[in-house]
N, C-alpha and C. Protein backbone atom coordinates (compact mmCIF):
# COMPACT_ATOMS: atom_id res chain seq x y z
N MET A 1 1.81 27.98 -6.92
CA MET A 1 1.71 26.58 -6.57
C MET A 1 2.32 25.74 -7.69
N THR A 2 3.15 24.79 -7.34
CA THR A 2 3.77 23.93 -8.34
C THR A 2 2.77 22.89 -8.82
N ALA A 3 3.05 22.28 -9.98
CA ALA A 3 2.17 21.23 -10.50
C ALA A 3 2.07 20.07 -9.53
N ALA A 4 3.20 19.71 -8.91
CA ALA A 4 3.20 18.60 -7.95
C ALA A 4 2.34 18.93 -6.73
N ALA A 5 2.39 20.17 -6.28
CA ALA A 5 1.62 20.56 -5.10
C ALA A 5 0.12 20.56 -5.38
N SER A 6 -0.28 20.70 -6.63
CA SER A 6 -1.70 20.73 -6.96
C SER A 6 -2.28 19.34 -7.21
N ARG A 7 -1.43 18.32 -7.24
CA ARG A 7 -1.93 16.96 -7.47
C ARG A 7 -2.39 16.33 -6.17
N SER A 8 -3.33 15.40 -6.28
CA SER A 8 -3.82 14.68 -5.11
C SER A 8 -2.79 13.63 -4.68
N TRP A 9 -2.93 13.14 -3.44
CA TRP A 9 -1.98 12.13 -2.98
C TRP A 9 -2.02 10.87 -3.84
N PRO A 10 -3.18 10.40 -4.35
CA PRO A 10 -3.12 9.24 -5.25
C PRO A 10 -2.36 9.53 -6.54
N GLU A 11 -2.48 10.75 -7.06
CA GLU A 11 -1.72 11.11 -8.26
C GLU A 11 -0.23 11.14 -7.98
N GLU A 12 0.15 11.64 -6.81
CA GLU A 12 1.56 11.66 -6.41
C GLU A 12 2.11 10.24 -6.29
N ILE A 13 1.32 9.36 -5.69
CA ILE A 13 1.75 7.97 -5.55
C ILE A 13 1.85 7.31 -6.91
N PHE A 14 0.88 7.54 -7.79
CA PHE A 14 0.94 6.98 -9.14
C PHE A 14 2.21 7.43 -9.85
N ALA A 15 2.52 8.72 -9.75
CA ALA A 15 3.73 9.24 -10.40
C ALA A 15 4.98 8.57 -9.83
N ALA A 16 5.01 8.35 -8.52
CA ALA A 16 6.16 7.69 -7.90
C ALA A 16 6.27 6.24 -8.38
N LEU A 17 5.14 5.54 -8.46
CA LEU A 17 5.16 4.15 -8.95
C LEU A 17 5.66 4.09 -10.39
N ALA A 18 5.19 5.00 -11.22
CA ALA A 18 5.64 5.03 -12.62
C ALA A 18 7.14 5.31 -12.69
N ALA A 19 7.62 6.26 -11.90
CA ALA A 19 9.05 6.58 -11.90
C ALA A 19 9.89 5.41 -11.39
N LEU A 20 9.34 4.61 -10.49
CA LEU A 20 10.05 3.43 -9.98
C LEU A 20 10.05 2.27 -10.96
N GLY A 21 9.29 2.39 -12.04
CA GLY A 21 9.22 1.31 -13.03
C GLY A 21 8.28 0.18 -12.62
N VAL A 22 7.30 0.47 -11.77
CA VAL A 22 6.33 -0.55 -11.36
C VAL A 22 5.46 -0.92 -12.56
N ARG A 23 5.35 -2.20 -12.84
CA ARG A 23 4.58 -2.70 -13.98
C ARG A 23 3.37 -3.53 -13.58
N GLN A 24 3.38 -4.09 -12.37
CA GLN A 24 2.25 -4.89 -11.90
C GLN A 24 1.75 -4.31 -10.58
N VAL A 25 0.44 -4.12 -10.50
CA VAL A 25 -0.18 -3.59 -9.29
C VAL A 25 -1.27 -4.56 -8.86
N ALA A 26 -1.02 -5.22 -7.74
CA ALA A 26 -1.99 -6.16 -7.18
C ALA A 26 -2.77 -5.43 -6.09
N TYR A 27 -4.06 -5.71 -6.00
CA TYR A 27 -4.86 -5.00 -5.01
C TYR A 27 -6.09 -5.80 -4.60
N VAL A 28 -6.48 -5.58 -3.36
CA VAL A 28 -7.80 -6.00 -2.90
C VAL A 28 -8.64 -4.73 -2.98
N PRO A 29 -9.80 -4.79 -3.64
CA PRO A 29 -10.59 -3.57 -3.79
C PRO A 29 -10.78 -2.83 -2.46
N ASP A 30 -10.55 -1.52 -2.50
CA ASP A 30 -10.58 -0.68 -1.31
C ASP A 30 -10.94 0.73 -1.73
N ALA A 31 -11.92 1.32 -1.07
CA ALA A 31 -12.34 2.68 -1.40
C ALA A 31 -11.19 3.67 -1.21
N GLY A 32 -10.33 3.44 -0.24
CA GLY A 32 -9.21 4.35 0.00
C GLY A 32 -8.21 4.39 -1.15
N HIS A 33 -8.09 3.29 -1.86
CA HIS A 33 -7.17 3.21 -3.00
C HIS A 33 -7.88 3.40 -4.35
N LYS A 34 -9.17 3.71 -4.34
CA LYS A 34 -9.97 3.75 -5.56
C LYS A 34 -9.33 4.58 -6.67
N GLU A 35 -8.97 5.82 -6.37
CA GLU A 35 -8.39 6.69 -7.39
C GLU A 35 -7.05 6.16 -7.90
N LEU A 36 -6.22 5.65 -6.99
CA LEU A 36 -4.92 5.11 -7.40
C LEU A 36 -5.11 3.87 -8.27
N ILE A 37 -6.03 2.99 -7.90
CA ILE A 37 -6.31 1.79 -8.69
C ILE A 37 -6.76 2.19 -10.09
N GLU A 38 -7.65 3.17 -10.18
CA GLU A 38 -8.13 3.63 -11.49
C GLU A 38 -7.00 4.20 -12.33
N ARG A 39 -6.10 4.96 -11.71
CA ARG A 39 -4.96 5.53 -12.45
C ARG A 39 -4.06 4.41 -12.98
N CYS A 40 -3.77 3.44 -12.13
CA CYS A 40 -2.91 2.32 -12.54
C CYS A 40 -3.58 1.49 -13.64
N ALA A 41 -4.88 1.24 -13.51
CA ALA A 41 -5.60 0.46 -14.52
C ALA A 41 -5.62 1.17 -15.87
N GLY A 42 -5.60 2.49 -15.85
CA GLY A 42 -5.61 3.26 -17.09
C GLY A 42 -4.24 3.45 -17.72
N ALA A 43 -3.20 3.02 -17.05
CA ALA A 43 -1.84 3.20 -17.56
C ALA A 43 -1.45 2.03 -18.45
N ALA A 44 -1.04 2.34 -19.66
CA ALA A 44 -0.66 1.28 -20.61
C ALA A 44 0.52 0.46 -20.11
N ALA A 45 1.40 1.06 -19.32
CA ALA A 45 2.62 0.38 -18.86
C ALA A 45 2.39 -0.45 -17.60
N MET A 46 1.17 -0.43 -17.05
CA MET A 46 0.90 -1.17 -15.80
C MET A 46 -0.22 -2.17 -16.01
N GLU A 47 -0.07 -3.29 -15.36
CA GLU A 47 -1.10 -4.34 -15.33
C GLU A 47 -1.65 -4.38 -13.92
N THR A 48 -2.97 -4.26 -13.77
CA THR A 48 -3.58 -4.36 -12.45
C THR A 48 -4.22 -5.74 -12.30
N VAL A 49 -4.10 -6.29 -11.09
CA VAL A 49 -4.66 -7.61 -10.80
C VAL A 49 -5.46 -7.52 -9.51
N ALA A 50 -6.77 -7.75 -9.63
CA ALA A 50 -7.63 -7.77 -8.44
C ALA A 50 -7.45 -9.11 -7.73
N LEU A 51 -7.33 -9.05 -6.43
CA LEU A 51 -7.09 -10.24 -5.61
C LEU A 51 -8.32 -10.54 -4.76
N THR A 52 -8.42 -11.79 -4.31
CA THR A 52 -9.47 -12.13 -3.36
C THR A 52 -8.96 -12.00 -1.93
N THR A 53 -7.65 -12.10 -1.75
CA THR A 53 -7.04 -11.93 -0.43
C THR A 53 -5.62 -11.42 -0.61
N GLU A 54 -5.15 -10.68 0.37
CA GLU A 54 -3.89 -9.94 0.24
C GLU A 54 -2.66 -10.83 0.05
N GLU A 55 -2.62 -11.99 0.69
CA GLU A 55 -1.43 -12.83 0.58
C GLU A 55 -1.20 -13.33 -0.83
N GLU A 56 -2.25 -13.40 -1.64
CA GLU A 56 -2.08 -13.75 -3.06
C GLU A 56 -1.16 -12.75 -3.74
N GLY A 57 -1.27 -11.49 -3.34
CA GLY A 57 -0.46 -10.44 -3.93
C GLY A 57 1.02 -10.60 -3.64
N VAL A 58 1.35 -11.10 -2.46
CA VAL A 58 2.76 -11.33 -2.13
C VAL A 58 3.35 -12.34 -3.10
N ALA A 59 2.64 -13.45 -3.31
CA ALA A 59 3.13 -14.48 -4.24
C ALA A 59 3.16 -13.97 -5.68
N LEU A 60 2.12 -13.25 -6.07
CA LEU A 60 2.06 -12.70 -7.43
C LEU A 60 3.25 -11.79 -7.69
N LEU A 61 3.58 -10.94 -6.73
CA LEU A 61 4.68 -10.00 -6.94
C LEU A 61 6.05 -10.66 -6.84
N ALA A 62 6.15 -11.76 -6.11
CA ALA A 62 7.40 -12.55 -6.14
C ALA A 62 7.60 -13.11 -7.55
N GLY A 63 6.53 -13.61 -8.14
CA GLY A 63 6.59 -14.10 -9.51
C GLY A 63 6.91 -13.00 -10.51
N ALA A 64 6.34 -11.83 -10.29
CA ALA A 64 6.63 -10.69 -11.18
C ALA A 64 8.12 -10.36 -11.13
N TRP A 65 8.69 -10.35 -9.92
CA TRP A 65 10.12 -10.05 -9.76
C TRP A 65 10.96 -11.09 -10.48
N LEU A 66 10.61 -12.36 -10.33
CA LEU A 66 11.35 -13.42 -11.02
C LEU A 66 11.24 -13.28 -12.53
N GLY A 67 10.12 -12.71 -13.00
CA GLY A 67 9.92 -12.47 -14.42
C GLY A 67 10.48 -11.14 -14.90
N GLY A 68 11.17 -10.42 -14.02
CA GLY A 68 11.82 -9.18 -14.42
C GLY A 68 10.98 -7.92 -14.28
N GLN A 69 9.87 -7.99 -13.55
CA GLN A 69 9.03 -6.81 -13.39
C GLN A 69 8.91 -6.41 -11.92
N ARG A 70 8.76 -5.12 -11.72
CA ARG A 70 8.52 -4.58 -10.38
C ARG A 70 7.01 -4.46 -10.17
N GLY A 71 6.61 -4.62 -8.92
CA GLY A 71 5.19 -4.52 -8.62
C GLY A 71 4.94 -3.87 -7.28
N ALA A 72 3.68 -3.58 -7.02
CA ALA A 72 3.24 -3.01 -5.75
C ALA A 72 1.94 -3.68 -5.33
N LEU A 73 1.77 -3.83 -4.03
CA LEU A 73 0.57 -4.43 -3.45
C LEU A 73 -0.20 -3.35 -2.70
N LEU A 74 -1.45 -3.14 -3.09
CA LEU A 74 -2.31 -2.15 -2.45
C LEU A 74 -3.31 -2.89 -1.57
N MET A 75 -3.42 -2.45 -0.31
CA MET A 75 -4.37 -3.09 0.59
C MET A 75 -4.74 -2.17 1.73
N GLN A 76 -5.71 -2.59 2.50
CA GLN A 76 -6.13 -1.90 3.71
C GLN A 76 -5.41 -2.54 4.89
N SER A 77 -5.29 -1.82 5.99
CA SER A 77 -4.54 -2.34 7.15
C SER A 77 -5.10 -3.65 7.67
N SER A 78 -6.39 -3.90 7.50
CA SER A 78 -6.95 -5.16 7.96
C SER A 78 -6.38 -6.35 7.19
N GLY A 79 -5.82 -6.12 6.01
CA GLY A 79 -5.22 -7.18 5.22
C GLY A 79 -3.80 -7.53 5.60
N VAL A 80 -3.17 -6.71 6.44
CA VAL A 80 -1.79 -6.98 6.85
C VAL A 80 -1.71 -8.34 7.54
N GLY A 81 -2.67 -8.63 8.39
CA GLY A 81 -2.66 -9.92 9.10
C GLY A 81 -2.72 -11.10 8.17
N ASN A 82 -3.36 -10.94 7.01
CA ASN A 82 -3.45 -12.03 6.05
C ASN A 82 -2.10 -12.34 5.40
N CYS A 83 -1.17 -11.42 5.46
CA CYS A 83 0.12 -11.57 4.78
C CYS A 83 1.24 -12.11 5.66
N VAL A 84 0.98 -12.30 6.95
CA VAL A 84 2.06 -12.62 7.89
C VAL A 84 2.89 -13.82 7.43
N ASN A 85 2.28 -14.94 7.12
CA ASN A 85 3.05 -16.11 6.71
C ASN A 85 3.80 -15.89 5.40
N MET A 86 3.19 -15.15 4.48
CA MET A 86 3.83 -14.92 3.18
C MET A 86 5.02 -13.98 3.26
N LEU A 87 5.09 -13.16 4.31
CA LEU A 87 6.24 -12.27 4.43
C LEU A 87 7.54 -13.06 4.59
N SER A 88 7.45 -14.28 5.09
CA SER A 88 8.66 -15.10 5.21
C SER A 88 9.24 -15.43 3.84
N LEU A 89 8.39 -15.56 2.82
CA LEU A 89 8.86 -15.81 1.46
C LEU A 89 9.76 -14.66 1.00
N MET A 90 9.30 -13.45 1.23
CA MET A 90 10.07 -12.29 0.79
C MET A 90 11.39 -12.19 1.55
N ARG A 91 11.31 -12.44 2.84
CA ARG A 91 12.50 -12.32 3.68
C ARG A 91 13.52 -13.42 3.37
N THR A 92 13.08 -14.66 3.29
CA THR A 92 13.98 -15.79 3.06
C THR A 92 14.58 -15.77 1.66
N CYS A 93 13.78 -15.43 0.67
CA CYS A 93 14.25 -15.45 -0.72
C CYS A 93 14.80 -14.11 -1.19
N ALA A 94 14.76 -13.10 -0.34
CA ALA A 94 15.27 -11.76 -0.65
C ALA A 94 14.61 -11.16 -1.89
N PHE A 95 13.28 -11.31 -1.97
CA PHE A 95 12.50 -10.66 -3.01
C PHE A 95 12.08 -9.28 -2.50
N PRO A 96 12.00 -8.31 -3.38
CA PRO A 96 11.45 -7.02 -2.95
C PRO A 96 9.93 -7.10 -2.86
N LEU A 97 9.36 -6.32 -1.98
CA LEU A 97 7.90 -6.21 -1.89
C LEU A 97 7.58 -4.78 -1.46
N LEU A 98 6.83 -4.09 -2.27
CA LEU A 98 6.38 -2.74 -1.96
C LEU A 98 4.88 -2.80 -1.68
N MET A 99 4.49 -2.45 -0.45
CA MET A 99 3.09 -2.46 -0.05
C MET A 99 2.64 -1.04 0.27
N LEU A 100 1.46 -0.69 -0.22
CA LEU A 100 0.84 0.59 0.09
C LEU A 100 -0.43 0.26 0.87
N VAL A 101 -0.46 0.66 2.13
CA VAL A 101 -1.50 0.22 3.05
C VAL A 101 -2.32 1.42 3.52
N THR A 102 -3.61 1.44 3.15
CA THR A 102 -4.49 2.47 3.69
C THR A 102 -4.90 2.04 5.09
N MET A 103 -4.72 2.94 6.02
CA MET A 103 -4.93 2.61 7.43
C MET A 103 -6.38 2.78 7.86
N ARG A 104 -6.79 1.88 8.72
CA ARG A 104 -8.06 1.96 9.46
C ARG A 104 -7.70 1.76 10.92
N GLY A 105 -8.65 1.97 11.80
CA GLY A 105 -8.41 1.73 13.21
C GLY A 105 -7.60 2.79 13.91
N GLN A 106 -7.43 3.93 13.29
CA GLN A 106 -6.72 5.03 13.91
C GLN A 106 -7.73 5.95 14.59
N PRO A 107 -7.28 6.97 15.32
CA PRO A 107 -8.22 7.84 16.03
C PRO A 107 -9.35 8.33 15.11
N GLY A 108 -10.58 8.20 15.58
CA GLY A 108 -11.76 8.58 14.82
C GLY A 108 -12.44 7.41 14.13
N GLU A 109 -11.86 6.22 14.19
CA GLU A 109 -12.45 5.04 13.56
C GLU A 109 -13.77 4.69 14.23
N PHE A 110 -14.80 4.45 13.42
CA PHE A 110 -16.10 4.08 13.96
C PHE A 110 -16.31 2.57 14.04
N ASN A 111 -15.54 1.81 13.30
CA ASN A 111 -15.76 0.37 13.19
C ASN A 111 -14.80 -0.39 14.12
N PRO A 112 -15.30 -0.99 15.19
CA PRO A 112 -14.41 -1.66 16.14
C PRO A 112 -13.66 -2.85 15.53
N TRP A 113 -14.15 -3.42 14.45
CA TRP A 113 -13.47 -4.55 13.80
C TRP A 113 -12.18 -4.12 13.13
N GLN A 114 -12.02 -2.83 12.87
CA GLN A 114 -10.82 -2.31 12.23
C GLN A 114 -9.71 -1.98 13.22
N LEU A 115 -10.04 -1.92 14.50
CA LEU A 115 -9.06 -1.49 15.51
C LEU A 115 -7.86 -2.43 15.65
N PRO A 116 -8.04 -3.75 15.78
CA PRO A 116 -6.86 -4.59 16.05
C PRO A 116 -5.73 -4.45 15.03
N MET A 117 -6.00 -4.60 13.75
CA MET A 117 -4.91 -4.50 12.76
C MET A 117 -4.50 -3.06 12.54
N GLY A 118 -5.43 -2.12 12.69
CA GLY A 118 -5.05 -0.71 12.58
C GLY A 118 -4.04 -0.32 13.63
N GLU A 119 -4.22 -0.85 14.83
CA GLU A 119 -3.31 -0.53 15.93
C GLU A 119 -2.00 -1.30 15.87
N THR A 120 -1.99 -2.44 15.20
CA THR A 120 -0.79 -3.30 15.22
C THR A 120 -0.12 -3.49 13.87
N ALA A 121 -0.62 -2.86 12.82
CA ALA A 121 -0.06 -3.08 11.48
C ALA A 121 1.44 -2.81 11.42
N ALA A 122 1.87 -1.66 11.94
CA ALA A 122 3.30 -1.32 11.87
C ALA A 122 4.17 -2.34 12.60
N PRO A 123 3.89 -2.69 13.87
CA PRO A 123 4.75 -3.67 14.53
C PRO A 123 4.68 -5.06 13.89
N VAL A 124 3.52 -5.45 13.38
CA VAL A 124 3.41 -6.75 12.70
C VAL A 124 4.32 -6.77 11.47
N LEU A 125 4.26 -5.71 10.69
CA LEU A 125 5.10 -5.64 9.49
C LEU A 125 6.58 -5.61 9.85
N GLU A 126 6.94 -4.85 10.88
CA GLU A 126 8.34 -4.79 11.31
C GLU A 126 8.83 -6.15 11.79
N LEU A 127 8.00 -6.86 12.54
CA LEU A 127 8.37 -8.21 13.00
C LEU A 127 8.53 -9.17 11.82
N GLY A 128 7.83 -8.90 10.72
CA GLY A 128 7.94 -9.71 9.52
C GLY A 128 9.11 -9.33 8.64
N GLY A 129 9.92 -8.38 9.09
CA GLY A 129 11.11 -7.98 8.34
C GLY A 129 10.90 -6.84 7.37
N CYS A 130 9.80 -6.12 7.48
CA CYS A 130 9.52 -5.01 6.57
C CYS A 130 10.02 -3.69 7.12
N ARG A 131 10.47 -2.85 6.24
CA ARG A 131 10.74 -1.46 6.60
C ARG A 131 9.42 -0.73 6.49
N VAL A 132 9.07 0.03 7.49
CA VAL A 132 7.78 0.72 7.53
C VAL A 132 7.99 2.22 7.39
N PHE A 133 7.24 2.81 6.47
CA PHE A 133 7.27 4.24 6.21
C PHE A 133 5.88 4.80 6.51
N ALA A 134 5.79 5.76 7.41
CA ALA A 134 4.50 6.38 7.75
C ALA A 134 4.23 7.54 6.81
N LEU A 135 3.03 7.58 6.27
CA LEU A 135 2.60 8.71 5.44
C LEU A 135 1.46 9.41 6.17
N ASP A 136 1.81 10.46 6.89
CA ASP A 136 0.85 11.22 7.69
C ASP A 136 0.47 12.55 7.06
N ASP A 137 1.16 12.94 6.00
CA ASP A 137 0.94 14.23 5.34
C ASP A 137 0.81 13.98 3.84
N ALA A 138 -0.35 14.29 3.28
CA ALA A 138 -0.60 14.04 1.86
C ALA A 138 0.45 14.68 0.96
N ALA A 139 1.01 15.79 1.37
CA ALA A 139 2.02 16.49 0.57
C ALA A 139 3.30 15.67 0.42
N GLU A 140 3.50 14.69 1.29
CA GLU A 140 4.70 13.86 1.25
C GLU A 140 4.48 12.52 0.54
N ALA A 141 3.31 12.32 -0.07
CA ALA A 141 2.96 11.02 -0.65
C ALA A 141 3.98 10.53 -1.68
N GLY A 142 4.29 11.34 -2.65
CA GLY A 142 5.22 10.92 -3.69
C GLY A 142 6.60 10.61 -3.16
N ALA A 143 7.12 11.49 -2.32
CA ALA A 143 8.46 11.30 -1.77
C ALA A 143 8.53 10.06 -0.86
N THR A 144 7.48 9.83 -0.09
CA THR A 144 7.47 8.67 0.82
C THR A 144 7.43 7.37 0.03
N VAL A 145 6.57 7.31 -0.98
CA VAL A 145 6.49 6.09 -1.81
C VAL A 145 7.78 5.88 -2.58
N ALA A 146 8.37 6.94 -3.07
CA ALA A 146 9.65 6.81 -3.79
C ALA A 146 10.73 6.26 -2.87
N ALA A 147 10.80 6.75 -1.64
CA ALA A 147 11.80 6.25 -0.68
C ALA A 147 11.56 4.78 -0.35
N ALA A 148 10.31 4.42 -0.12
CA ALA A 148 9.98 3.02 0.18
C ALA A 148 10.28 2.12 -1.02
N GLY A 149 9.97 2.62 -2.21
CA GLY A 149 10.24 1.84 -3.42
C GLY A 149 11.73 1.61 -3.64
N ARG A 150 12.52 2.64 -3.40
CA ARG A 150 13.98 2.46 -3.51
C ARG A 150 14.47 1.44 -2.49
N ALA A 151 13.97 1.51 -1.27
CA ALA A 151 14.36 0.54 -0.25
C ALA A 151 13.99 -0.87 -0.67
N ALA A 152 12.78 -1.03 -1.19
CA ALA A 152 12.31 -2.36 -1.59
C ALA A 152 13.11 -2.90 -2.77
N PHE A 153 13.18 -2.14 -3.84
CA PHE A 153 13.75 -2.66 -5.08
C PHE A 153 15.27 -2.66 -5.10
N GLU A 154 15.90 -1.76 -4.38
CA GLU A 154 17.37 -1.72 -4.36
C GLU A 154 17.92 -2.54 -3.22
N GLY A 155 17.09 -2.87 -2.23
CA GLY A 155 17.52 -3.63 -1.04
C GLY A 155 18.06 -4.99 -1.36
N PRO A 156 17.35 -5.91 -1.95
CA PRO A 156 15.90 -5.89 -1.95
C PRO A 156 15.37 -6.27 -0.57
N THR A 157 14.21 -5.72 -0.27
CA THR A 157 13.56 -5.99 1.02
C THR A 157 12.07 -5.74 0.86
N ALA A 158 11.34 -5.98 1.92
CA ALA A 158 9.93 -5.62 1.94
C ALA A 158 9.82 -4.24 2.58
N ALA A 159 8.99 -3.40 1.98
CA ALA A 159 8.77 -2.05 2.51
C ALA A 159 7.28 -1.76 2.42
N ALA A 160 6.77 -1.12 3.46
CA ALA A 160 5.35 -0.78 3.50
C ALA A 160 5.18 0.70 3.81
N VAL A 161 4.32 1.34 3.03
CA VAL A 161 3.93 2.72 3.31
C VAL A 161 2.56 2.66 3.95
N LEU A 162 2.47 3.13 5.19
CA LEU A 162 1.20 3.14 5.91
C LEU A 162 0.58 4.52 5.73
N ILE A 163 -0.49 4.58 4.93
CA ILE A 163 -1.14 5.84 4.60
C ILE A 163 -2.19 6.13 5.67
N ALA A 164 -1.92 7.15 6.47
CA ALA A 164 -2.77 7.47 7.61
C ALA A 164 -4.22 7.71 7.21
N GLN A 165 -5.10 7.38 8.13
CA GLN A 165 -6.53 7.54 7.90
C GLN A 165 -6.88 9.00 7.64
N ARG A 166 -6.16 9.93 8.24
CA ARG A 166 -6.46 11.34 8.00
C ARG A 166 -6.05 11.77 6.59
N VAL A 167 -5.11 11.05 5.96
CA VAL A 167 -4.75 11.33 4.57
C VAL A 167 -5.82 10.76 3.64
N VAL A 168 -6.22 9.52 3.90
CA VAL A 168 -7.22 8.84 3.07
C VAL A 168 -8.59 9.48 3.25
N GLY A 169 -8.90 9.85 4.48
CA GLY A 169 -10.22 10.39 4.82
C GLY A 169 -10.97 9.35 5.66
N MET A 170 -11.69 9.83 6.62
CA MET A 170 -12.44 8.94 7.51
C MET A 170 -13.63 8.35 6.76
N LYS A 171 -13.84 7.06 6.94
CA LYS A 171 -15.01 6.40 6.38
C LYS A 171 -16.14 6.49 7.40
N THR A 172 -17.32 6.82 6.92
CA THR A 172 -18.44 6.93 7.86
C THR A 172 -19.59 6.00 7.52
N PHE A 173 -19.80 5.70 6.25
CA PHE A 173 -20.90 4.85 5.82
C PHE A 173 -22.22 5.33 6.40
N GLY A 174 -22.37 6.64 6.55
CA GLY A 174 -23.61 7.21 7.06
C GLY A 174 -23.79 7.05 8.56
N CYS A 175 -22.78 6.61 9.26
CA CYS A 175 -22.86 6.39 10.70
C CYS A 175 -22.55 7.70 11.42
N THR A 176 -23.56 8.45 11.73
CA THR A 176 -23.35 9.72 12.40
C THR A 176 -23.73 9.63 13.88
N GLY A 177 -24.34 8.52 14.28
CA GLY A 177 -24.81 8.40 15.64
C GLY A 177 -26.23 8.92 15.79
N ASP A 178 -26.70 9.64 14.77
CA ASP A 178 -28.06 10.18 14.78
C ASP A 178 -29.05 9.26 14.10
N ASP A 179 -28.57 8.24 13.39
CA ASP A 179 -29.50 7.37 12.66
C ASP A 179 -29.67 6.03 13.29
């Protein structure tokens, strides 16, 4: 087994972000991104910024780009809807935006509030001018993020990696139906 094959998908994504030269990581706290957020926060070359809402991250990363730094926005699929108006900033001004989106609302979801954006995140992002990359296999995490990052930063354009719920793991919060 290679060293890369033995790493977790968050470690693979962290390595891809580091290789892309990402220096700012904006995020809304999310259990699905917990390990990746911790890795980024522990990296001397990266600055992490906790947000109260996802659209703040779009503006923050536009500013980072203007200041000569690359960044990434980490969020859950329910936050995609919060970014719709801000995506016009990226499209009109030709700023790059790299988003890593942990998906909810996919098959097996227990929370009905997660279904609408989980089911529509990809088309919403595409309508907003984003290139969408699906990450359905944890083994492809690093390569998928690297491809999306190249598209975003070399485009420049907005690119989103949608990390499938089966990669992240199903959230249950103790809801087994027996309690």
